[in-house]
PDB file of all heavy atoms in Angstrom:
ATOM      1  N   PRO A   1       0.838  -1.207   0.000  1.00  0.00           N
ATOM      2  CA  PRO A   1       0.000   0.000   0.000  1.00  0.00           C
ATOM      3  C   PRO A   1       0.873   1.257   0.000  1.00  0.00           C
ATOM      4  O   PRO A   1       1.977   1.277   0.544  1.00  0.00           O
ATOM      5  CB  PRO A   1      -0.811  -0.126   1.291  1.00  0.00           C
ATOM      6  CG  PRO A   1      -0.796  -1.585   1.626  1.00  0.00           C
ATOM      7  CD  PRO A   1       0.536  -2.094   1.147  1.00  0.00           C
ATOM      8  N   ALA A   2       0.371   2.301  -0.638  1.00  0.00           N
ATOM      9  CA  ALA A   2       1.115   3.558  -0.749  1.00  0.00           C
ATOM     10  C   ALA A   2       0.414   4.650   0.045  1.00  0.00           C
ATOM     11  O   ALA A   2      -0.795   4.851  -0.110  1.00  0.00           O
ATOM     12  CB  ALA A   2       1.234   3.967  -2.205  1.00  0.00           C
ATOM     13  N   ARG A   3       1.173   5.345   0.862  1.00  0.00           N
ATOM     14  CA  ARG A   3       0.680   6.518   1.577  1.00  0.00           C
ATOM     15  C   ARG A   3       1.297   7.748   0.926  1.00  0.00           C
ATOM     16  O   ARG A   3       2.521   7.884   0.841  1.00  0.00           O
ATOM     17  CB  ARG A   3       1.040   6.453   3.058  1.00  0.00           C
ATOM     18  CG  ARG A   3       0.335   5.357   3.810  1.00  0.00           C
ATOM     19  CD  ARG A   3       0.844   5.187   5.240  1.00  0.00           C
ATOM     20  NE  ARG A   3       1.001   6.461   5.919  1.00  0.00           N
ATOM     21  CZ  ARG A   3       2.188   6.970   6.265  1.00  0.00           C
ATOM     22  NH1 ARG A   3       3.306   6.331   5.954  1.00  0.00           N
ATOM     23  NH2 ARG A   3       2.252   8.122   6.905  1.00  0.00           N
ATOM     24  N   VAL A   4       0.434   8.632   0.441  1.00  0.00           N
ATOM     25  CA  VAL A   4       0.885   9.777  -0.345  1.00  0.00           C
ATOM     26  C   VAL A   4       0.290  11.051   0.224  1.00  0.00           C
ATOM     27  O   VAL A   4      -0.903  11.126   0.526  1.00  0.00           O
ATOM     28  CB  VAL A   4       0.472   9.621  -1.826  1.00  0.00           C
ATOM     29  CG1 VAL A   4       0.844  10.864  -2.616  1.00  0.00           C
ATOM     30  CG2 VAL A   4       1.137   8.394  -2.436  1.00  0.00           C
ATOM     31  N   ARG A   5       1.150  12.058   0.376  1.00  0.00           N
ATOM     32  CA  ARG A   5       0.683  13.375   0.832  1.00  0.00           C
ATOM     33  C   ARG A   5       0.344  14.224  -0.387  1.00  0.00           C
ATOM     34  O   ARG A   5       1.115  14.288  -1.356  1.00  0.00           O
ATOM     35  CB  ARG A   5       1.765  14.057   1.659  1.00  0.00           C
ATOM     36  CG  ARG A   5       1.321  15.374   2.309  1.00  0.00           C
ATOM     37  CD  ARG A   5       2.266  15.736   3.440  1.00  0.00           C
ATOM     38  NE  ARG A   5       3.601  16.011   2.961  1.00  0.00           N
ATOM     39  CZ  ARG A   5       4.045  17.248   2.687  1.00  0.00           C
ATOM     40  NH1 ARG A   5       3.236  18.289   2.811  1.00  0.00           N
ATOM     41  NH2 ARG A   5       5.277  17.431   2.289  1.00  0.00           N
ATOM     42  N   VAL A   6      -0.807  14.881  -0.360  1.00  0.00           N
ATOM     43  CA  VAL A   6      -1.268  15.725  -1.452  1.00  0.00           C
ATOM     44  C   VAL A   6      -1.541  17.123  -0.911  1.00  0.00           C
ATOM     45  O   VAL A   6      -2.212  17.284   0.111  1.00  0.00           O
ATOM     46  CB  VAL A   6      -2.542  15.157  -2.112  1.00  0.00           C
ATOM     47  CG1 VAL A   6      -3.051  16.113  -3.203  1.00  0.00           C
ATOM     48  CG2 VAL A   6      -2.275  13.775  -2.689  1.00  0.00           C
ATOM     49  N   VAL A   7      -1.013  18.134  -1.591  1.00  0.00           N
ATOM     50  CA  VAL A   7      -1.305  19.533  -1.278  1.00  0.00           C
ATOM     51  C   VAL A   7      -1.657  20.237  -2.582  1.00  0.00           C
ATOM     52  O   VAL A   7      -0.874  20.195  -3.538  1.00  0.00           O
ATOM     53  CB  VAL A   7      -0.101  20.243  -0.618  1.00  0.00           C
ATOM     54  CG1 VAL A   7      -0.427  21.714  -0.368  1.00  0.00           C
ATOM     55  CG2 VAL A   7       0.301  19.550   0.673  1.00  0.00           C
ATOM     56  N   LEU A   8      -2.812  20.847  -2.629  1.00  0.00           N
ATOM     57  CA  LEU A   8      -3.207  21.657  -3.788  1.00  0.00           C
ATOM     58  C   LEU A   8      -3.440  23.083  -3.306  1.00  0.00           C
ATOM     59  O   LEU A   8      -4.399  23.353  -2.578  1.00  0.00           O
ATOM     60  CB  LEU A   8      -4.471  21.111  -4.451  1.00  0.00           C
ATOM     61  CG  LEU A   8      -4.985  21.925  -5.633  1.00  0.00           C
ATOM     62  CD1 LEU A   8      -3.950  21.994  -6.752  1.00  0.00           C
ATOM     63  CD2 LEU A   8      -6.304  21.365  -6.161  1.00  0.00           C
ATOM     64  N   ASP A   9      -2.556  23.969  -3.728  1.00  0.00           N
ATOM     65  CA  ASP A   9      -2.624  25.370  -3.301  1.00  0.00           C
ATOM     66  C   ASP A   9      -2.277  26.273  -4.487  1.00  0.00           C
ATOM     67  O   ASP A   9      -1.200  26.877  -4.525  1.00  0.00           O
ATOM     68  CB  ASP A   9      -1.658  25.597  -2.137  1.00  0.00           C
ATOM     69  CG  ASP A   9      -1.755  27.001  -1.562  1.00  0.00           C
ATOM     70  OD1 ASP A   9      -2.758  27.689  -1.819  1.00  0.00           O
ATOM     71  OD2 ASP A   9      -0.807  27.409  -0.855  1.00  0.00           O
ATOM     72  N   PRO A  10      -3.150  26.374  -5.497  1.00  0.00           N
ATOM     73  CA  PRO A  10      -2.851  27.220  -6.660  1.00  0.00           C
ATOM     74  C   PRO A  10      -2.844  28.696  -6.261  1.00  0.00           C
ATOM     75  O   PRO A  10      -3.691  29.151  -5.483  1.00  0.00           O
ATOM     76  CB  PRO A  10      -4.005  26.918  -7.626  1.00  0.00           C
ATOM     77  CG  PRO A  10      -4.675  25.694  -7.084  1.00  0.00           C
ATOM     78  CD  PRO A  10      -4.449  25.713  -5.626  1.00  0.00           C
ATOM     79  N   ARG A  11      -1.913  29.431  -6.831  1.00  0.00           N
ATOM     80  CA  ARG A  11      -1.818  30.878  -6.589  1.00  0.00           C
ATOM     81  C   ARG A  11      -1.616  31.563  -7.937  1.00  0.00           C
ATOM     82  O   ARG A  11      -0.520  31.503  -8.501  1.00  0.00           O
ATOM     83  CB  ARG A  11      -0.652  31.201  -5.659  1.00  0.00           C
ATOM     84  CG  ARG A  11      -0.687  30.503  -4.305  1.00  0.00           C
ATOM     85  CD  ARG A  11      -1.766  31.063  -3.392  1.00  0.00           C
ATOM     86  NE  ARG A  11      -1.715  30.485  -2.076  1.00  0.00           N
ATOM     87  CZ  ARG A  11      -1.169  31.072  -1.002  1.00  0.00           C
ATOM     88  NH1 ARG A  11      -0.601  32.278  -1.134  1.00  0.00           N
ATOM     89  NH2 ARG A  11      -1.172  30.483   0.170  1.00  0.00           N
ATOM     90  N   ALA A  12      -2.634  32.174  -8.450  1.00  0.00           N
ATOM     91  CA  ALA A  12      -2.552  32.796  -9.772  1.00  0.00           C
ATOM     92  C   ALA A  12      -1.676  34.046  -9.746  1.00  0.00           C
ATOM     93  O   ALA A  12      -1.402  34.623  -8.689  1.00  0.00           O
ATOM     94  CB  ALA A  12      -3.959  33.145 -10.272  1.00  0.00           C
ATOM     95  N   ASP A  13      -1.253  34.461 -10.970  1.00  0.00           N
ATOM     96  CA  ASP A  13      -0.523  35.709 -11.167  1.00  0.00           C
ATOM     97  C   ASP A  13       0.728  35.780 -10.297  1.00  0.00           C
ATOM     98  O   ASP A  13       0.894  36.673  -9.475  1.00  0.00           O
ATOM     99  CB  ASP A  13      -1.446  36.906 -10.881  1.00  0.00           C
ATOM    100  CG  ASP A  13      -0.850  38.221 -11.355  1.00  0.00           C
ATOM    101  OD1 ASP A  13       0.078  38.193 -12.188  1.00  0.00           O
ATOM    102  OD2 ASP A  13      -1.303  39.283 -10.879  1.00  0.00           O
ATOM    103  N   PHE A  14       1.637  34.816 -10.500  1.00  0.00           N
ATOM    104  CA  PHE A  14       2.895  34.770  -9.759  1.00  0.00           C
ATOM    105  C   PHE A  14       2.682  34.735  -8.249  1.00  0.00           C
ATOM    106  O   PHE A  14       3.457  35.283  -7.485  1.00  0.00           O
ATOM    107  CB  PHE A  14       3.783  35.957 -10.128  1.00  0.00           C
ATOM    108  CG  PHE A  14       4.385  35.862 -11.501  1.00  0.00           C
ATOM    109  CD1 PHE A  14       3.767  36.468 -12.587  1.00  0.00           C
ATOM    110  CD2 PHE A  14       5.569  35.170 -11.710  1.00  0.00           C
ATOM    111  CE1 PHE A  14       4.320  36.386 -13.866  1.00  0.00           C
ATOM    112  CE2 PHE A  14       6.124  35.074 -12.978  1.00  0.00           C
ATOM    113  CZ  PHE A  14       5.508  35.682 -14.060  1.00  0.00           C
ATOM    114  N   GLY A  15       1.608  34.067  -7.814  1.00  0.00           N
ATOM    115  CA  GLY A  15       1.367  33.884  -6.392  1.00  0.00           C
ATOM    116  C   GLY A  15       0.565  34.975  -5.728  1.00  0.00           C
ATOM    117  O   GLY A  15       0.286  34.903  -4.531  1.00  0.00           O
ATOM    118  N   ARG A  16       0.153  35.988  -6.485  1.00  0.00           N
ATOM    119  CA  ARG A  16      -0.539  37.127  -5.869  1.00  0.00           C
ATOM    120  C   ARG A  16      -2.001  36.829  -5.551  1.00  0.00           C
ATOM    121  O   ARG A  16      -2.608  37.513  -4.721  1.00  0.00           O
ATOM    122  CB  ARG A  16      -0.468  38.344  -6.802  1.00  0.00           C
ATOM    123  CG  ARG A  16       0.950  38.822  -7.119  1.00  0.00           C
ATOM    124  CD  ARG A  16       0.908  40.087  -7.953  1.00  0.00           C
ATOM    125  NE  ARG A  16       2.232  40.522  -8.374  1.00  0.00           N
ATOM    126  CZ  ARG A  16       2.740  40.324  -9.578  1.00  0.00           C
ATOM    127  NH1 ARG A  16       2.001  39.691 -10.492  1.00  0.00           N
ATOM    128  NH2 ARG A  16       3.955  40.743  -9.891  1.00  0.00           N
ATOM    129  N   SER A  17      -2.604  35.836  -6.213  1.00  0.00           N
ATOM    130  CA  SER A  17      -4.042  35.571  -6.074  1.00  0.00           C
ATOM    131  C   SER A  17      -4.262  34.160  -5.553  1.00  0.00           C
ATOM    132  O   SER A  17      -4.180  33.192  -6.311  1.00  0.00           O
ATOM    133  CB  SER A  17      -4.753  35.732  -7.428  1.00  0.00           C
ATOM    134  OG  SER A  17      -4.594  37.041  -7.928  1.00  0.00           O
ATOM    135  N   PRO A  18      -4.546  34.011  -4.272  1.00  0.00           N
ATOM    136  CA  PRO A  18      -4.732  32.677  -3.696  1.00  0.00           C
ATOM    137  C   PRO A  18      -6.110  32.099  -4.026  1.00  0.00           C
ATOM    138  O   PRO A  18      -6.962  32.759  -4.639  1.00  0.00           O
ATOM    139  CB  PRO A  18      -4.585  32.928  -2.196  1.00  0.00           C
ATOM    140  CG  PRO A  18      -5.053  34.347  -2.016  1.00  0.00           C
ATOM    141  CD  PRO A  18      -4.626  35.076  -3.253  1.00  0.00           C
ATOM    142  N   LEU A  19      -6.307  30.861  -3.586  1.00  0.00           N
ATOM    143  CA  LEU A  19      -7.602  30.211  -3.771  1.00  0.00           C
ATOM    144  C   LEU A  19      -8.703  30.966  -3.034  1.00  0.00           C
ATOM    145  O   LEU A  19      -8.493  31.486  -1.937  1.00  0.00           O
ATOM    146  CB  LEU A  19      -7.548  28.781  -3.235  1.00  0.00           C
ATOM    147  CG  LEU A  19      -7.061  27.664  -4.148  1.00  0.00           C
ATOM    148  CD1 LEU A  19      -7.119  26.343  -3.405  1.00  0.00           C
ATOM    149  CD2 LEU A  19      -7.892  27.587  -5.417  1.00  0.00           C
ATOM    150  N   ARG A  20      -9.876  30.964  -3.647  1.00  0.00           N
ATOM    151  CA  ARG A  20     -11.061  31.524  -2.989  1.00  0.00           C
ATOM    152  C   ARG A  20     -12.280  30.746  -3.486  1.00  0.00           C
ATOM    153  O   ARG A  20     -12.188  29.956  -4.427  1.00  0.00           O
ATOM    154  CB  ARG A  20     -11.212  33.017  -3.297  1.00  0.00           C
ATOM    155  CG  ARG A  20     -11.538  33.334  -4.738  1.00  0.00           C
ATOM    156  CD  ARG A  20     -11.589  34.848  -4.971  1.00  0.00           C
ATOM    157  NE  ARG A  20     -12.209  35.199  -6.247  1.00  0.00           N
ATOM    158  CZ  ARG A  20     -11.604  35.189  -7.413  1.00  0.00           C
ATOM    159  NH1 ARG A  20     -10.322  34.846  -7.478  1.00  0.00           N
ATOM    160  NH2 ARG A  20     -12.263  35.516  -8.517  1.00  0.00           N
ATOM    161  N   GLU A  21     -13.383  30.965  -2.853  1.00  0.00           N
ATOM    162  CA  GLU A  21     -14.649  30.315  -3.222  1.00  0.00           C
ATOM    163  C   GLU A  21     -14.497  28.805  -3.316  1.00  0.00           C
ATOM    164  O   GLU A  21     -15.000  28.145  -4.227  1.00  0.00           O
ATOM    165  CB  GLU A  21     -15.176  30.873  -4.551  1.00  0.00           C
ATOM    166  CG  GLU A  21     -15.415  32.372  -4.546  1.00  0.00           C
ATOM    167  CD  GLU A  21     -15.837  32.908  -5.907  1.00  0.00           C
ATOM    168  OE1 GLU A  21     -16.404  32.121  -6.710  1.00  0.00           O
ATOM    169  OE2 GLU A  21     -15.610  34.103  -6.165  1.00  0.00           O
ATOM    170  N   VAL A  22     -13.789  28.223  -2.339  1.00  0.00           N
ATOM    171  CA  VAL A  22     -13.552  26.784  -2.341  1.00  0.00           C
ATOM    172  C   VAL A  22     -14.828  26.063  -1.909  1.00  0.00           C
ATOM    173  O   VAL A  22     -15.387  26.345  -0.847  1.00  0.00           O
ATOM    174  CB  VAL A  22     -12.395  26.429  -1.392  1.00  0.00           C
ATOM    175  CG1 VAL A  22     -12.153  24.925  -1.381  1.00  0.00           C
ATOM    176  CG2 VAL A  22     -11.133  27.173  -1.798  1.00  0.00           C
ATOM    177  N   THR A  23     -15.283  25.145  -2.758  1.00  0.00           N
ATOM    178  CA  THR A  23     -16.535  24.435  -2.516  1.00  0.00           C
ATOM    179  C   THR A  23     -16.337  22.945  -2.742  1.00  0.00           C
ATOM    180  O   THR A  23     -15.716  22.535  -3.724  1.00  0.00           O
ATOM    181  CB  THR A  23     -17.647  24.932  -3.459  1.00  0.00           C
ATOM    182  OG1 THR A  23     -17.787  26.351  -3.288  1.00  0.00           O
ATOM    183  CG2 THR A  23     -18.966  24.247  -3.156  1.00  0.00           C
ATOM    184  N   ARG A  24     -16.887  22.150  -1.845  1.00  0.00           N
ATOM    185  CA  ARG A  24     -16.792  20.695  -1.991  1.00  0.00           C
ATOM    186  C   ARG A  24     -18.085  20.153  -2.577  1.00  0.00           C
ATOM    187  O   ARG A  24     -19.180  20.631  -2.246  1.00  0.00           O
ATOM    188  CB  ARG A  24     -16.525  20.051  -0.631  1.00  0.00           C
ATOM    189  CG  ARG A  24     -16.227  18.553  -0.714  1.00  0.00           C
ATOM    190  CD  ARG A  24     -15.712  18.028   0.591  1.00  0.00           C
ATOM    191  NE  ARG A  24     -15.159  16.692   0.463  1.00  0.00           N
ATOM    192  CZ  ARG A  24     -14.439  16.089   1.386  1.00  0.00           C
ATOM    193  NH1 ARG A  24     -14.174  16.729   2.531  1.00  0.00           N
ATOM    194  NH2 ARG A  24     -13.964  14.869   1.210  1.00  0.00           N
ATOM    195  N   ASN A  25     -17.964  19.151  -3.470  1.00  0.00           N
ATOM    196  CA  ASN A  25     -19.144  18.476  -4.006  1.00  0.00           C
ATOM    197  C   ASN A  25     -18.889  16.972  -4.007  1.00  0.00           C
ATOM    198  O   ASN A  25     -17.884  16.503  -3.470  1.00  0.00           O
ATOM    199  CB  ASN A  25     -19.477  18.983  -5.412  1.00  0.00           C
ATOM    200  CG  ASN A  25     -18.302  18.883  -6.366  1.00  0.00           C
ATOM    201  OD1 ASN A  25     -17.578  17.892  -6.367  1.00  0.00           O
ATOM    202  ND2 ASN A  25     -18.090  19.920  -7.184  1.00  0.00           N
ATOM    203  N   ALA A  26     -19.779  16.236  -4.647  1.00  0.00           N
ATOM    204  CA  ALA A  26     -19.694  14.776  -4.588  1.00  0.00           C
ATOM    205  C   ALA A  26     -18.426  14.243  -5.239  1.00  0.00           C
ATOM    206  O   ALA A  26     -17.893  13.204  -4.829  1.00  0.00           O
ATOM    207  CB  ALA A  26     -20.921  14.161  -5.257  1.00  0.00           C
ATOM    208  N   ASP A  27     -17.915  14.929  -6.258  1.00  0.00           N
ATOM    209  CA  ASP A  27     -16.756  14.429  -7.000  1.00  0.00           C
ATOM    210  C   ASP A  27     -15.435  15.045  -6.575  1.00  0.00           C
ATOM    211  O   ASP A  27     -14.372  14.563  -6.975  1.00  0.00           O
ATOM    212  CB  ASP A  27     -16.953  14.687  -8.500  1.00  0.00           C
ATOM    213  CG  ASP A  27     -18.104  13.889  -9.065  1.00  0.00           C
ATOM    214  OD1 ASP A  27     -18.308  12.760  -8.602  1.00  0.00           O
ATOM    215  OD2 ASP A  27     -18.796  14.406  -9.957  1.00  0.00           O
ATOM    216  N   GLY A  28     -15.472  16.123  -5.816  1.00  0.00           N
ATOM    217  CA  GLY A  28     -14.219  16.777  -5.470  1.00  0.00           C
ATOM    218  C   GLY A  28     -14.443  18.205  -5.030  1.00  0.00           C
ATOM    219  O   GLY A  28     -15.310  18.482  -4.195  1.00  0.00           O
ATOM    220  N   TRP A  29     -13.711  19.134  -5.671  1.00  0.00           N
ATOM    221  CA  TRP A  29     -13.704  20.517  -5.229  1.00  0.00           C
ATOM    222  C   TRP A  29     -13.746  21.455  -6.426  1.00  0.00           C
ATOM    223  O   TRP A  29     -13.236  21.150  -7.497  1.00  0.00           O
ATOM    224  CB  TRP A  29     -12.428  20.821  -4.439  1.00  0.00           C
ATOM    225  CG  TRP A  29     -12.227  19.953  -3.246  1.00  0.00           C
ATOM    226  CD1 TRP A  29     -11.690  18.698  -3.217  1.00  0.00           C
ATOM    227  CD2 TRP A  29     -12.561  20.270  -1.893  1.00  0.00           C
ATOM    228  NE1 TRP A  29     -11.650  18.215  -1.939  1.00  0.00           N
ATOM    229  CE2 TRP A  29     -12.192  19.162  -1.090  1.00  0.00           C
ATOM    230  CE3 TRP A  29     -13.143  21.384  -1.268  1.00  0.00           C
ATOM    231  CZ2 TRP A  29     -12.366  19.134   0.278  1.00  0.00           C
ATOM    232  CZ3 TRP A  29     -13.312  21.361   0.099  1.00  0.00           C
ATOM    233  CH2 TRP A  29     -12.934  20.253   0.859  1.00  0.00           C
ATOM    234  N   THR A  30     -14.349  22.637  -6.228  1.00  0.00           N
ATOM    235  CA  THR A  30     -14.256  23.731  -7.190  1.00  0.00           C
ATOM    236  C   THR A  30     -13.748  24.965  -6.451  1.00  0.00           C
ATOM    237  O   THR A  30     -13.904  25.095  -5.232  1.00  0.00           O
ATOM    238  CB  THR A  30     -15.612  24.050  -7.849  1.00  0.00           C
ATOM    239  OG1 THR A  30     -16.551  24.448  -6.826  1.00  0.00           O
ATOM    240  CG2 THR A  30     -16.144  22.853  -8.604  1.00  0.00           C
ATOM    241  N   ALA A  31     -13.122  25.882  -7.210  1.00  0.00           N
ATOM    242  CA  ALA A  31     -12.567  27.088  -6.588  1.00  0.00           C
ATOM    243  C   ALA A  31     -12.258  28.104  -7.676  1.00  0.00           C
ATOM    244  O   ALA A  31     -12.397  27.841  -8.882  1.00  0.00           O
ATOM    245  CB  ALA A  31     -11.313  26.747  -5.782  1.00  0.00           C
ATOM    246  N   ARG A  32     -11.811  29.270  -7.258  1.00  0.00           N
ATOM    247  CA  ARG A  32     -11.326  30.319  -8.156  1.00  0.00           C
ATOM    248  C   ARG A  32      -9.925  30.732  -7.704  1.00  0.00           C
ATOM    249  O   ARG A  32      -9.583  30.648  -6.532  1.00  0.00           O
ATOM    250  CB  ARG A  32     -12.238  31.556  -8.107  1.00  0.00           C
ATOM    251  CG  ARG A  32     -13.674  31.351  -8.517  1.00  0.00           C
ATOM    252  CD  ARG A  32     -13.829  31.169 -10.029  1.00  0.00           C
ATOM    253  NE  ARG A  32     -13.200  32.231 -10.802  1.00  0.00           N
ATOM    254  CZ  ARG A  32     -13.777  33.422 -11.065  1.00  0.00           C
ATOM    255  NH1 ARG A  32     -14.975  33.690 -10.605  1.00  0.00           N
ATOM    256  NH2 ARG A  32     -13.138  34.311 -11.815  1.00  0.00           N
ATOM    257  N   ALA A  33      -9.129  31.184  -8.667  1.00  0.00           N
ATOM    258  CA  ALA A  33      -7.832  31.798  -8.378  1.00  0.00           C
ATOM    259  C   ALA A  33      -7.611  32.846  -9.446  1.00  0.00           C
ATOM    260  O   ALA A  33      -7.524  32.522 -10.637  1.00  0.00           O
ATOM    261  CB  ALA A  33      -6.713  30.764  -8.383  1.00  0.00           C
ATOM    262  N   GLY A  34      -7.557  34.114  -9.041  1.00  0.00           N
ATOM    263  CA  GLY A  34      -7.514  35.181 -10.029  1.00  0.00           C
ATOM    264  C   GLY A  34      -8.745  35.114 -10.903  1.00  0.00           C
ATOM    265  O   GLY A  34      -9.874  34.996 -10.424  1.00  0.00           O
ATOM    266  N   SER A  35      -8.571  35.172 -12.219  1.00  0.00           N
ATOM    267  CA  SER A  35      -9.704  35.096 -13.145  1.00  0.00           C
ATOM    268  C   SER A  35      -9.999  33.669 -13.591  1.00  0.00           C
ATOM    269  O   SER A  35     -10.884  33.445 -14.429  1.00  0.00           O
ATOM    270  CB  SER A  35      -9.401  35.948 -14.385  1.00  0.00           C
ATOM    271  OG  SER A  35      -8.257  35.453 -15.061  1.00  0.00           O
ATOM    272  N   LEU A  36      -9.289  32.691 -13.042  1.00  0.00           N
ATOM    273  CA  LEU A  36      -9.404  31.310 -13.493  1.00  0.00           C
ATOM    274  C   LEU A  36     -10.393  30.515 -12.651  1.00  0.00           C
ATOM    275  O   LEU A  36     -10.533  30.746 -11.440  1.00  0.00           O
ATOM    276  CB  LEU A  36      -8.031  30.633 -13.444  1.00  0.00           C
ATOM    277  CG  LEU A  36      -6.941  31.274 -14.303  1.00  0.00           C
ATOM    278  CD1 LEU A  36      -5.595  30.614 -14.030  1.00  0.00           C
ATOM    279  CD2 LEU A  36      -7.302  31.179 -15.786  1.00  0.00           C
ATOM    280  N   TYR A  37     -11.044  29.572 -13.315  1.00  0.00           N
ATOM    281  CA  TYR A  37     -11.949  28.638 -12.663  1.00  0.00           C
ATOM    282  C   TYR A  37     -11.234  27.292 -12.526  1.00  0.00           C
ATOM    283  O   TYR A  37     -10.638  26.792 -13.494  1.00  0.00           O
ATOM    284  CB  TYR A  37     -13.226  28.466 -13.482  1.00  0.00           C
ATOM    285  CG  TYR A  37     -14.055  29.718 -13.587  1.00  0.00           C
ATOM    286  CD1 TYR A  37     -13.751  30.699 -14.530  1.00  0.00           C
ATOM    287  CD2 TYR A  37     -15.146  29.939 -12.746  1.00  0.00           C
ATOM    288  CE1 TYR A  37     -14.508  31.860 -14.630  1.00  0.00           C
ATOM    289  CE2 TYR A  37     -15.905  31.096 -12.835  1.00  0.00           C
ATOM    290  CZ  TYR A  37     -15.585  32.052 -13.780  1.00  0.00           C
ATOM    291  OH  TYR A  37     -16.334  33.208 -13.883  1.00  0.00           O
TER     292      TYR A  37
END
């Protein structure tokens, strides 16, 4: 068995725009970073 650490922390525009509007649903997560979905 494999134990793996996962970190997802997108930061748009050279790190100036962190994640926002983070929402969980049945399949995973949605969020915004800068102008990106």
